[in-house]
Amino acid sequence: MYRISELAQKVGLSRSTLLYYEKLKLISAKRQSNGYRCYLDTDVQRVKLLQQLQAGGLTLKECQVCLEAQIDRELLRHRLSVLDEEIAQIFKSASHC
């Protein structure tokens, strides 16, 4: 079990980012009797998956849909299309140099 500062250090994010994720219900902490938030290894895995999804270009809203297993294939296809266009623009700009 991890306190929020330990989780933040383990995943390389700030405490405020984790609190924001909790506010968006991307992660959820159990409260101990002393009021401290307590996170499990499953929360570590969930945050790391969020980081991977974001690194792949997904927004937090898109990540939330994926994590809730309500995968909106059309939404993901659209995002992939946008990313493909961005990559094409980068290569086009680079070839003019």
PDB file of N, CA and C in Angstrom:
ATOM      1  N   MET A   1       0.834  -1.172   0.000  1.00  0.00           N
ATOM      2  CA  MET A   1       0.000   0.000   0.000  1.00  0.00           C
ATOM      3  C   MET A   1       0.887   1.247   0.000  1.00  0.00           C
ATOM      4  N   TYR A   2       0.433   2.255  -0.694  1.00  0.00           N
ATOM      5  CA  TYR A   2       1.227   3.473  -0.876  1.00  0.00           C
ATOM      6  C   TYR A   2       0.422   4.697  -0.443  1.00  0.00           C
ATOM      7  N   ARG A   3       1.106   5.627   0.190  1.00  0.00           N
ATOM      8  CA  ARG A   3       0.516   6.942   0.407  1.00  0.00           C
ATOM      9  C   ARG A   3       0.693   7.714  -0.889  1.00  0.00           C
ATOM     10  N   ILE A   4       0.011   8.834  -1.005  1.00  0.00           N
ATOM     11  CA  ILE A   4       0.026   9.578  -2.267  1.00  0.00           C
ATOM     12  C   ILE A   4       1.440  10.033  -2.647  1.00  0.00           C
ATOM     13  N   SER A   5       2.235  10.430  -1.673  1.00  0.00           N
ATOM     14  CA  SER A   5       3.603  10.868  -1.983  1.00  0.00           C
ATOM     15  C   SER A   5       4.449   9.699  -2.477  1.00  0.00           C
ATOM     16  N   GLU A   6       4.221   8.514  -1.935  1.00  0.00           N
ATOM     17  CA  GLU A   6       4.951   7.325  -2.377  1.00  0.00           C
ATOM     18  C   GLU A   6       4.531   6.927  -3.787  1.00  0.00           C
ATOM     19  N   LEU A   7       3.234   7.011  -4.059  1.00  0.00           N
ATOM     20  CA  LEU A   7       2.739   6.713  -5.405  1.00  0.00           C
ATOM     21  C   LEU A   7       3.309   7.705  -6.400  1.00  0.00           C
ATOM     22  N   ALA A   8       3.303   8.978  -6.032  1.00  0.00           N
ATOM     23  CA  ALA A   8       3.835  10.026  -6.914  1.00  0.00           C
ATOM     24  C   ALA A   8       5.288   9.738  -7.281  1.00  0.00           C
ATOM     25  N   GLN A   9       6.074   9.364  -6.282  1.00  0.00           N
ATOM     26  CA  GLN A   9       7.489   9.065  -6.529  1.00  0.00           C
ATOM     27  C   GLN A   9       7.627   7.817  -7.401  1.00  0.00           C
ATOM     28  N   LYS A  10       6.823   6.810  -7.146  1.00  0.00           N
ATOM     29  CA  LYS A  10       6.916   5.546  -7.875  1.00  0.00           C
ATOM     30  C   LYS A  10       6.599   5.712  -9.357  1.00  0.00           C
ATOM     31  N   VAL A  11       5.620   6.578  -9.681  1.00  0.00           N
ATOM     32  CA  VAL A  11       5.206   6.730 -11.081  1.00  0.00           C
ATOM     33  C   VAL A  11       5.767   7.983 -11.740  1.00  0.00           C
ATOM     34  N   GLY A  12       6.477   8.805 -10.975  1.00  0.00           N
ATOM     35  CA  GLY A  12       7.107   9.988 -11.547  1.00  0.00           C
ATOM     36  C   GLY A  12       6.149  11.120 -11.866  1.00  0.00           C
ATOM     37  N   LEU A  13       5.079  11.235 -11.103  1.00  0.00           N
ATOM     38  CA  LEU A  13       4.126  12.320 -11.292  1.00  0.00           C
ATOM     39  C   LEU A  13       4.034  13.133 -10.006  1.00  0.00           C
ATOM     40  N   SER A  14       3.484  14.319 -10.112  1.00  0.00           N
ATOM     41  CA  SER A  14       3.327  15.148  -8.919  1.00  0.00           C
ATOM     42  C   SER A  14       2.097  14.703  -8.127  1.00  0.00           C
ATOM     43  N   ARG A  15       2.110  15.067  -6.872  1.00  0.00           N
ATOM     44  CA  ARG A  15       0.978  14.782  -5.996  1.00  0.00           C
ATOM     45  C   ARG A  15      -0.288  15.445  -6.546  1.00  0.00           C
ATOM     46  N   SER A  16      -0.139  16.672  -7.039  1.00  0.00           N
ATOM     47  CA  SER A  16      -1.307  17.391  -7.557  1.00  0.00           C
ATOM     48  C   SER A  16      -1.882  16.712  -8.802  1.00  0.00           C
ATOM     49  N   THR A  17      -1.024  16.115  -9.626  1.00  0.00           N
ATOM     50  CA  THR A  17      -1.511  15.373 -10.793  1.00  0.00           C
ATOM     51  C   THR A  17      -2.335  14.178 -10.348  1.00  0.00           C
ATOM     52  N   LEU A  18      -1.847  13.469  -9.338  1.00  0.00           N
ATOM     53  CA  LEU A  18      -2.591  12.314  -8.836  1.00  0.00           C
ATOM     54  C   LEU A  18      -3.924  12.729  -8.217  1.00  0.00           C
ATOM     55  N   LEU A  19      -3.936  13.857  -7.525  1.00  0.00           N
ATOM     56  CA  LEU A  19      -5.195  14.368  -6.970  1.00  0.00           C
ATOM     57  C   LEU A  19      -6.170  14.731  -8.095  1.00  0.00           C
ATOM     58  N   TYR A  20      -5.632  15.280  -9.177  1.00  0.00           N
ATOM     59  CA  TYR A  20      -6.467  15.600 -10.343  1.00  0.00           C
ATOM     60  C   TYR A  20      -7.034  14.321 -10.962  1.00  0.00           C
ATOM     61  N   TYR A  21      -6.193  13.299 -11.092  1.00  0.00           N
ATOM     62  CA  TYR A  21      -6.663  12.009 -11.607  1.00  0.00           C
ATOM     63  C   TYR A  21      -7.764  11.449 -10.715  1.00  0.00           C
ATOM     64  N   GLU A  22      -7.607  11.625  -9.411  1.00  0.00           N
ATOM     65  CA  GLU A  22      -8.624  11.142  -8.487  1.00  0.00           C
ATOM     66  C   GLU A  22      -9.922  11.934  -8.650  1.00  0.00           C
ATOM     67  N   LYS A  23      -9.795  13.232  -8.841  1.00  0.00           N
ATOM     68  CA  LYS A  23     -10.974  14.082  -9.044  1.00  0.00           C
ATOM     69  C   LYS A  23     -11.741  13.646 -10.299  1.00  0.00           C
ATOM     70  N   LEU A  24     -10.997  13.256 -11.343  1.00  0.00           N
ATOM     71  CA  LEU A  24     -11.614  12.784 -12.584  1.00  0.00           C
ATOM     72  C   LEU A  24     -12.073  11.323 -12.494  1.00  0.00           C
ATOM     73  N   LYS A  25     -11.810  10.713 -11.344  1.00  0.00           N
ATOM     74  CA  LYS A  25     -12.160   9.312 -11.091  1.00  0.00           C
ATOM     75  C   LYS A  25     -11.376   8.342 -11.970  1.00  0.00           C
ATOM     76  N   LEU A  26     -10.177   8.751 -12.356  1.00  0.00           N
ATOM     77  CA  LEU A  26      -9.283   7.863 -13.090  1.00  0.00           C
ATOM     78  C   LEU A  26      -8.617   6.871 -12.138  1.00  0.00           C
ATOM     79  N   ILE A  27      -8.404   7.320 -10.909  1.00  0.00           N
ATOM     80  CA  ILE A  27      -7.911   6.443  -9.850  1.00  0.00           C
ATOM     81  C   ILE A  27      -8.747   6.732  -8.604  1.00  0.00           C
ATOM     82  N   SER A  28      -8.718   5.813  -7.658  1.00  0.00           N
ATOM     83  CA  SER A  28      -9.446   6.061  -6.412  1.00  0.00           C
ATOM     84  C   SER A  28      -8.644   5.509  -5.249  1.00  0.00           C
ATOM     85  N   ALA A  29      -8.567   6.303  -4.212  1.00  0.00           N
ATOM     86  CA  ALA A  29      -7.815   5.925  -3.017  1.00  0.00           C
ATOM     87  C   ALA A  29      -8.778   5.418  -1.957  1.00  0.00           C
ATOM     88  N   LYS A  30      -8.267   4.528  -1.166  1.00  0.00           N
ATOM     89  CA  LYS A  30      -8.984   4.119   0.034  1.00  0.00           C
ATOM     90  C   LYS A  30      -8.522   5.066   1.134  1.00  0.00           C
ATOM     91  N   ARG A  31      -9.417   5.430   2.013  1.00  0.00           N
ATOM     92  CA  ARG A  31      -9.050   6.306   3.130  1.00  0.00           C
ATOM     93  C   ARG A  31      -8.780   5.460   4.371  1.00  0.00           C
ATOM     94  N   GLN A  32      -7.647   5.733   4.991  1.00  0.00           N
ATOM     95  CA  GLN A  32      -7.323   5.060   6.241  1.00  0.00           C
ATOM     96  C   GLN A  32      -8.030   5.779   7.393  1.00  0.00           C
ATOM     97  N   SER A  33      -8.013   5.203   8.563  1.00  0.00           N
ATOM     98  CA  SER A  33      -8.688   5.798   9.721  1.00  0.00           C
ATOM     99  C   SER A  33      -8.124   7.175  10.073  1.00  0.00           C
ATOM    100  N   ASN A  34      -6.844   7.406   9.738  1.00  0.00           N
ATOM    101  CA  ASN A  34      -6.227   8.708  10.008  1.00  0.00           C
ATOM    102  C   ASN A  34      -6.482   9.722   8.893  1.00  0.00           C
ATOM    103  N   GLY A  35      -7.241   9.327   7.864  1.00  0.00           N
ATOM    104  CA  GLY A  35      -7.589  10.231   6.770  1.00  0.00           C
ATOM    105  C   GLY A  35      -6.633  10.196   5.595  1.00  0.00           C
ATOM    106  N   TYR A  36      -5.499   9.503   5.743  1.00  0.00           N
ATOM    107  CA  TYR A  36      -4.540   9.421   4.645  1.00  0.00           C
ATOM    108  C   TYR A  36      -5.103   8.579   3.502  1.00  0.00           C
ATOM    109  N   ARG A  37      -4.756   8.990   2.296  1.00  0.00           N
ATOM    110  CA  ARG A  37      -5.114   8.203   1.121  1.00  0.00           C
ATOM    111  C   ARG A  37      -4.179   7.003   1.036  1.00  0.00           C
ATOM    112  N   CYS A  38      -4.724   5.884   0.594  1.00  0.00           N
ATOM    113  CA  CYS A  38      -3.935   4.670   0.470  1.00  0.00           C
ATOM    114  C   CYS A  38      -4.188   4.074  -0.913  1.00  0.00           C
ATOM    115  N   TYR A  39      -3.115   3.807  -1.636  1.00  0.00           N
ATOM    116  CA  TYR A  39      -3.211   3.261  -2.989  1.00  0.00           C
ATOM    117  C   TYR A  39      -2.613   1.864  -3.028  1.00  0.00           C
ATOM    118  N   LEU A  40      -3.122   1.043  -3.912  1.00  0.00           N
ATOM    119  CA  LEU A  40      -2.674  -0.344  -4.059  1.00  0.00           C
ATOM    120  C   LEU A  40      -1.800  -0.493  -5.301  1.00  0.00           C
ATOM    121  N   ASP A  41      -1.209  -1.672  -5.457  1.00  0.00           N
ATOM    122  CA  ASP A  41      -0.417  -1.955  -6.659  1.00  0.00           C
ATOM    123  C   ASP A  41      -1.260  -1.821  -7.926  1.00  0.00           C
ATOM    124  N   THR A  42      -2.545  -2.117  -7.830  1.00  0.00           N
ATOM    125  CA  THR A  42      -3.416  -1.965  -9.001  1.00  0.00           C
ATOM    126  C   THR A  42      -3.517  -0.502  -9.419  1.00  0.00           C
ATOM    127  N   ASP A  43      -3.441   0.402  -8.436  1.00  0.00           N
ATOM    128  CA  ASP A  43      -3.455   1.830  -8.760  1.00  0.00           C
ATOM    129  C   ASP A  43      -2.164   2.237  -9.462  1.00  0.00           C
ATOM    130  N   VAL A  44      -1.050   1.658  -9.040  1.00  0.00           N
ATOM    131  CA  VAL A  44       0.233   1.918  -9.704  1.00  0.00           C
ATOM    132  C   VAL A  44       0.138   1.483 -11.160  1.00  0.00           C
ATOM    133  N   GLN A  45      -0.389   0.289 -11.388  1.00  0.00           N
ATOM    134  CA  GLN A  45      -0.535  -0.229 -12.751  1.00  0.00           C
ATOM    135  C   GLN A  45      -1.472   0.651 -13.572  1.00  0.00           C
ATOM    136  N   ARG A  46      -2.536   1.112 -12.955  1.00  0.00           N
ATOM    137  CA  ARG A  46      -3.512   1.957 -13.660  1.00  0.00           C
ATOM    138  C   ARG A  46      -2.880   3.288 -14.076  1.00  0.00           C
ATOM    139  N   VAL A  47      -2.104   3.888 -13.177  1.00  0.00           N
ATOM    140  CA  VAL A  47      -1.439   5.161 -13.497  1.00  0.00           C
ATOM    141  C   VAL A  47      -0.421   4.949 -14.615  1.00  0.00           C
ATOM    142  N   LYS A  48       0.323   3.854 -14.548  1.00  0.00           N
ATOM    143  CA  LYS A  48       1.299   3.578 -15.597  1.00  0.00           C
ATOM    144  C   LYS A  48       0.607   3.356 -16.944  1.00  0.00           C
ATOM    145  N   LEU A  49      -0.540   2.699 -16.940  1.00  0.00           N
ATOM    146  CA  LEU A  49      -1.299   2.534 -18.177  1.00  0.00           C
ATOM    147  C   LEU A  49      -1.780   3.886 -18.688  1.00  0.00           C
ATOM    148  N   LEU A  50      -2.247   4.739 -17.784  1.00  0.00           N
ATOM    149  CA  LEU A  50      -2.643   6.101 -18.170  1.00  0.00           C
ATOM    150  C   LEU A  50      -1.488   6.835 -18.835  1.00  0.00           C
ATOM    151  N   GLN A  51      -0.301   6.696 -18.260  1.00  0.00           N
ATOM    152  CA  GLN A  51       0.878   7.358 -18.827  1.00  0.00           C
ATOM    153  C   GLN A  51       1.169   6.833 -20.228  1.00  0.00           C
ATOM    154  N   GLN A  52       1.037   5.548 -20.430  1.00  0.00           N
ATOM    155  CA  GLN A  52       1.289   4.958 -21.750  1.00  0.00           C
ATOM    156  C   GLN A  52       0.243   5.421 -22.760  1.00  0.00           C
ATOM    157  N   LEU A  53      -1.003   5.464 -22.345  1.00  0.00           N
ATOM    158  CA  LEU A  53      -2.064   5.918 -23.248  1.00  0.00           C
ATOM    159  C   LEU A  53      -1.854   7.382 -23.631  1.00  0.00           C
ATOM    160  N   GLN A  54      -1.479   8.198 -22.651  1.00  0.00           N
ATOM    161  CA  GLN A  54      -1.213   9.607 -22.942  1.00  0.00           C
ATOM    162  C   GLN A  54       0.003   9.764 -23.837  1.00  0.00           C
ATOM    163  N   ALA A  55       1.023   8.949 -23.620  1.00  0.00           N
ATOM    164  CA  ALA A  55       2.205   9.004 -24.475  1.00  0.00           C
ATOM    165  C   ALA A  55       1.848   8.629 -25.903  1.00  0.00           C
ATOM    166  N   GLY A  56       0.812   7.831 -26.056  1.00  0.00           N
ATOM    167  CA  GLY A  56       0.325   7.457 -27.386  1.00  0.00           C
ATOM    168  C   GLY A  56      -0.566   8.520 -28.010  1.00  0.00           C
ATOM    169  N   GLY A  57      -0.774   9.626 -27.300  1.00  0.00           N
ATOM    170  CA  GLY A  57      -1.517  10.734 -27.868  1.00  0.00           C
ATOM    171  C   GLY A  57      -2.959  10.842 -27.424  1.00  0.00           C
ATOM    172  N   LEU A  58      -3.408   9.979 -26.530  1.00  0.00           N
ATOM    173  CA  LEU A  58      -4.790  10.046 -26.086  1.00  0.00           C
ATOM    174  C   LEU A  58      -4.957  11.138 -25.037  1.00  0.00           C
ATOM    175  N   THR A  59      -6.116  11.759 -25.039  1.00  0.00           N
ATOM    176  CA  THR A  59      -6.445  12.744 -24.010  1.00  0.00           C
ATOM    177  C   THR A  59      -6.880  11.995 -22.751  1.00  0.00           C
ATOM    178  N   LEU A  60      -6.998  12.716 -21.641  1.00  0.00           N
ATOM    179  CA  LEU A  60      -7.454  12.073 -20.414  1.00  0.00           C
ATOM    180  C   LEU A  60      -8.864  11.511 -20.568  1.00  0.00           C
ATOM    181  N   LYS A  61      -9.705  12.216 -21.297  1.00  0.00           N
ATOM    182  CA  LYS A  61     -11.069  11.725 -21.530  1.00  0.00           C
ATOM    183  C   LYS A  61     -11.029  10.417 -22.324  1.00  0.00           C
ATOM    184  N   GLU A  62     -10.184  10.363 -23.335  1.00  0.00           N
ATOM    185  CA  GLU A  62     -10.039   9.144 -24.119  1.00  0.00           C
ATOM    186  C   GLU A  62      -9.451   8.017 -23.273  1.00  0.00           C
ATOM    187  N   CYS A  63      -8.514   8.362 -22.405  1.00  0.00           N
ATOM    188  CA  CYS A  63      -7.933   7.366 -21.494  1.00  0.00           C
ATOM    189  C   CYS A  63      -9.005   6.811 -20.567  1.00  0.00           C
ATOM    190  N   GLN A  64      -9.850   7.701 -20.074  1.00  0.00           N
ATOM    191  CA  GLN A  64     -10.910   7.280 -19.155  1.00  0.00           C
ATOM    192  C   GLN A  64     -11.847   6.288 -19.836  1.00  0.00           C
ATOM    193  N   VAL A  65     -12.195   6.557 -21.080  1.00  0.00           N
ATOM    194  CA  VAL A  65     -13.060   5.642 -21.829  1.00  0.00           C
ATOM    195  C   VAL A  65     -12.395   4.277 -21.950  1.00  0.00           C
ATOM    196  N   CYS A  66     -11.110   4.264 -22.263  1.00  0.00           N
ATOM    197  CA  CYS A  66     -10.376   3.003 -22.389  1.00  0.00           C
ATOM    198  C   CYS A  66     -10.328   2.251 -21.067  1.00  0.00           C
ATOM    199  N   LEU A  67     -10.059   2.976 -19.992  1.00  0.00           N
ATOM    200  CA  LEU A  67      -9.938   2.335 -18.687  1.00  0.00           C
ATOM    201  C   LEU A  67     -11.273   1.791 -18.186  1.00  0.00           C
ATOM    202  N   GLU A  68     -12.341   2.414 -18.590  1.00  0.00           N
ATOM    203  CA  GLU A  68     -13.666   1.936 -18.190  1.00  0.00           C
ATOM    204  C   GLU A  68     -14.137   0.793 -19.071  1.00  0.00           C
ATOM    205  N   ALA A  69     -13.287   0.368 -19.982  1.00  0.00           N
ATOM    206  CA  ALA A  69     -13.586  -0.732 -20.910  1.00  0.00           C
ATOM    207  C   ALA A  69     -14.790  -0.416 -21.780  1.00  0.00           C
ATOM    208  N   GLN A  70     -15.030   0.846 -21.966  1.00  0.00           N
ATOM    209  CA  GLN A  70     -16.075   1.277 -22.884  1.00  0.00           C
ATOM    210  C   GLN A  70     -15.375   1.825 -24.116  1.00  0.00           C
ATOM    211  N   ILE A  71     -14.592   0.976 -24.706  1.00  0.00           N
ATOM    212  CA  ILE A  71     -13.746   1.414 -25.804  1.00  0.00           C
ATOM    213  C   ILE A  71     -14.606   1.882 -26.971  1.00  0.00           C
ATOM    214  N   ASP A  72     -14.446   3.121 -27.286  1.00  0.00           N
ATOM    215  CA  ASP A  72     -15.157   3.739 -28.401  1.00  0.00           C
ATOM    216  C   ASP A  72     -14.236   3.658 -29.608  1.00  0.00           C
ATOM    217  N   ARG A  73     -14.438   2.641 -30.395  1.00  0.00           N
ATOM    218  CA  ARG A  73     -13.545   2.407 -31.527  1.00  0.00           C
ATOM    219  C   ARG A  73     -13.512   3.589 -32.489  1.00  0.00           C
ATOM    220  N   GLU A  74     -14.638   4.221 -32.707  1.00  0.00           N
ATOM    221  CA  GLU A  74     -14.676   5.357 -33.615  1.00  0.00           C
ATOM    222  C   GLU A  74     -13.842   6.515 -33.063  1.00  0.00           C
ATOM    223  N   LEU A  75     -13.937   6.745 -31.764  1.00  0.00           N
ATOM    224  CA  LEU A  75     -13.138   7.787 -31.120  1.00  0.00           C
ATOM    225  C   LEU A  75     -11.651   7.489 -31.283  1.00  0.00           C
ATOM    226  N   LEU A  76     -11.256   6.247 -31.065  1.00  0.00           N
ATOM    227  CA  LEU A  76      -9.851   5.872 -31.201  1.00  0.00           C
ATOM    228  C   LEU A  76      -9.389   5.949 -32.654  1.00  0.00           C
ATOM    229  N   ARG A  77     -10.250   5.549 -33.586  1.00  0.00           N
ATOM    230  CA  ARG A  77      -9.888   5.657 -35.010  1.00  0.00           C
ATOM    231  C   ARG A  77      -9.676   7.115 -35.400  1.00  0.00           C
ATOM    232  N   HIS A  78     -10.554   7.973 -34.909  1.00  0.00           N
ATOM    233  CA  HIS A  78     -10.427   9.399 -35.206  1.00  0.00           C
ATOM    234  C   HIS A  78      -9.114   9.938 -34.641  1.00  0.00           C
ATOM    235  N   ARG A  79      -8.804   9.571 -33.407  1.00  0.00           N
ATOM    236  CA  ARG A  79      -7.567  10.047 -32.781  1.00  0.00           C
ATOM    237  C   ARG A  79      -6.352   9.532 -33.540  1.00  0.00           C
ATOM    238  N   LEU A  80      -6.403   8.288 -33.984  1.00  0.00           N
ATOM    239  CA  LEU A  80      -5.314   7.719 -34.771  1.00  0.00           C
ATOM    240  C   LEU A  80      -5.157   8.474 -36.086  1.00  0.00           C
ATOM    241  N   SER A  81      -6.262   8.823 -36.700  1.00  0.00           N
ATOM    242  CA  SER A  81      -6.230   9.587 -37.939  1.00  0.00           C
ATOM    243  C   SER A  81      -5.582  10.958 -37.724  1.00  0.00           C
ATOM    244  N   VAL A  82      -5.947  11.610 -36.629  1.00  0.00           N
ATOM    245  CA  VAL A  82      -5.364  12.920 -36.306  1.00  0.00           C
ATOM    246  C   VAL A  82      -3.861  12.779 -36.091  1.00  0.00           C
ATOM    247  N   LEU A  83      -3.452  11.747 -35.358  1.00  0.00           N
ATOM    248  CA  LEU A  83      -2.024  11.526 -35.120  1.00  0.00           C
ATOM    249  C   LEU A  83      -1.286  11.235 -36.419  1.00  0.00           C
ATOM    250  N   ASP A  84      -1.894  10.436 -37.314  1.00  0.00           N
ATOM    251  CA  ASP A  84      -1.281  10.162 -38.614  1.00  0.00           C
ATOM    252  C   ASP A  84      -1.070  11.448 -39.402  1.00  0.00           C
ATOM    253  N   GLU A  85      -2.055  12.343 -39.369  1.00  0.00           N
ATOM    254  CA  GLU A  85      -1.934  13.625 -40.065  1.00  0.00           C
ATOM    255  C   GLU A  85      -0.813  14.468 -39.467  1.00  0.00           C
ATOM    256  N   GLU A  86      -0.715  14.479 -38.133  1.00  0.00           N
ATOM    257  CA  GLU A  86       0.342  15.245 -37.473  1.00  0.00           C
ATOM    258  C   GLU A  86       1.715  14.700 -37.854  1.00  0.00           C
ATOM    259  N   ILE A  87       1.848  13.399 -37.892  1.00  0.00           N
ATOM    260  CA  ILE A  87       3.120  12.774 -38.274  1.00  0.00           C
ATOM    261  C   ILE A  87       3.468  13.127 -39.714  1.00  0.00           C
ATOM    262  N   ALA A  88       2.478  13.062 -40.599  1.00  0.00           N
ATOM    263  CA  ALA A  88       2.706  13.397 -42.005  1.00  0.00           C
ATOM    264  C   ALA A  88       3.170  14.845 -42.141  1.00  0.00           C
ATOM    265  N   GLN A  89       2.570  15.758 -41.374  1.00  0.00           N
ATOM    266  CA  GLN A  89       2.959  17.171 -41.422  1.00  0.00           C
ATOM    267  C   GLN A  89       4.396  17.359 -40.930  1.00  0.00           C
ATOM    268  N   ILE A  90       4.758  16.618 -39.893  1.00  0.00           N
ATOM    269  CA  ILE A  90       6.122  16.711 -39.363  1.00  0.00           C
ATOM    270  C   ILE A  90       7.125  16.264 -40.419  1.00  0.00           C
ATOM    271  N   PHE A  91       6.839  15.127 -41.077  1.00  0.00           N
ATOM    272  CA  PHE A  91       7.746  14.632 -42.113  1.00  0.00           C
ATOM    273  C   PHE A  91       7.794  15.577 -43.306  1.00  0.00           C
ATOM    274  N   LYS A  92       6.662  16.162 -43.644  1.00  0.00           N
ATOM    275  CA  LYS A  92       6.609  17.104 -44.756  1.00  0.00           C
ATOM    276  C   LYS A  92       7.448  18.336 -44.431  1.00  0.00           C
ATOM    277  N   SER A  93       7.338  18.844 -43.207  1.00  0.00           N
ATOM    278  CA  SER A  93       8.133  20.000 -42.792  1.00  0.00           C
ATOM    279  C   SER A  93       9.614  19.674 -42.762  1.00  0.00           C
ATOM    280  N   ALA A  94       9.946  18.483 -42.313  1.00  0.00           N
ATOM    281  CA  ALA A  94      11.346  18.075 -42.207  1.00  0.00           C
ATOM    282  C   ALA A  94      11.980  17.906 -43.596  1.00  0.00           C
ATOM    283  N   SER A  95      11.204  17.492 -44.582  1.00  0.00           N
ATOM    284  CA  SER A  95      11.751  17.271 -45.913  1.00  0.00           C
ATOM    285  C   SER A  95      12.038  18.579 -46.639  1.00  0.00           C
ATOM    286  N   HIS A  96      11.465  19.686 -46.177  1.00  0.00           N
ATOM    287  CA  HIS A  96      11.719  20.993 -46.787  1.00  0.00           C
ATOM    288  C   HIS A  96      13.006  21.623 -46.294  1.00  0.00           C
ATOM    289  N   CYS A  97      13.610  21.052 -45.297  1.00  0.00           N
ATOM    290  CA  CYS A  97      14.851  21.631 -44.715  1.00  0.00           C
ATOM    291  C   CYS A  97      16.068  21.269 -45.519  1.00  0.00           C
TER     292      CYS A  97
END
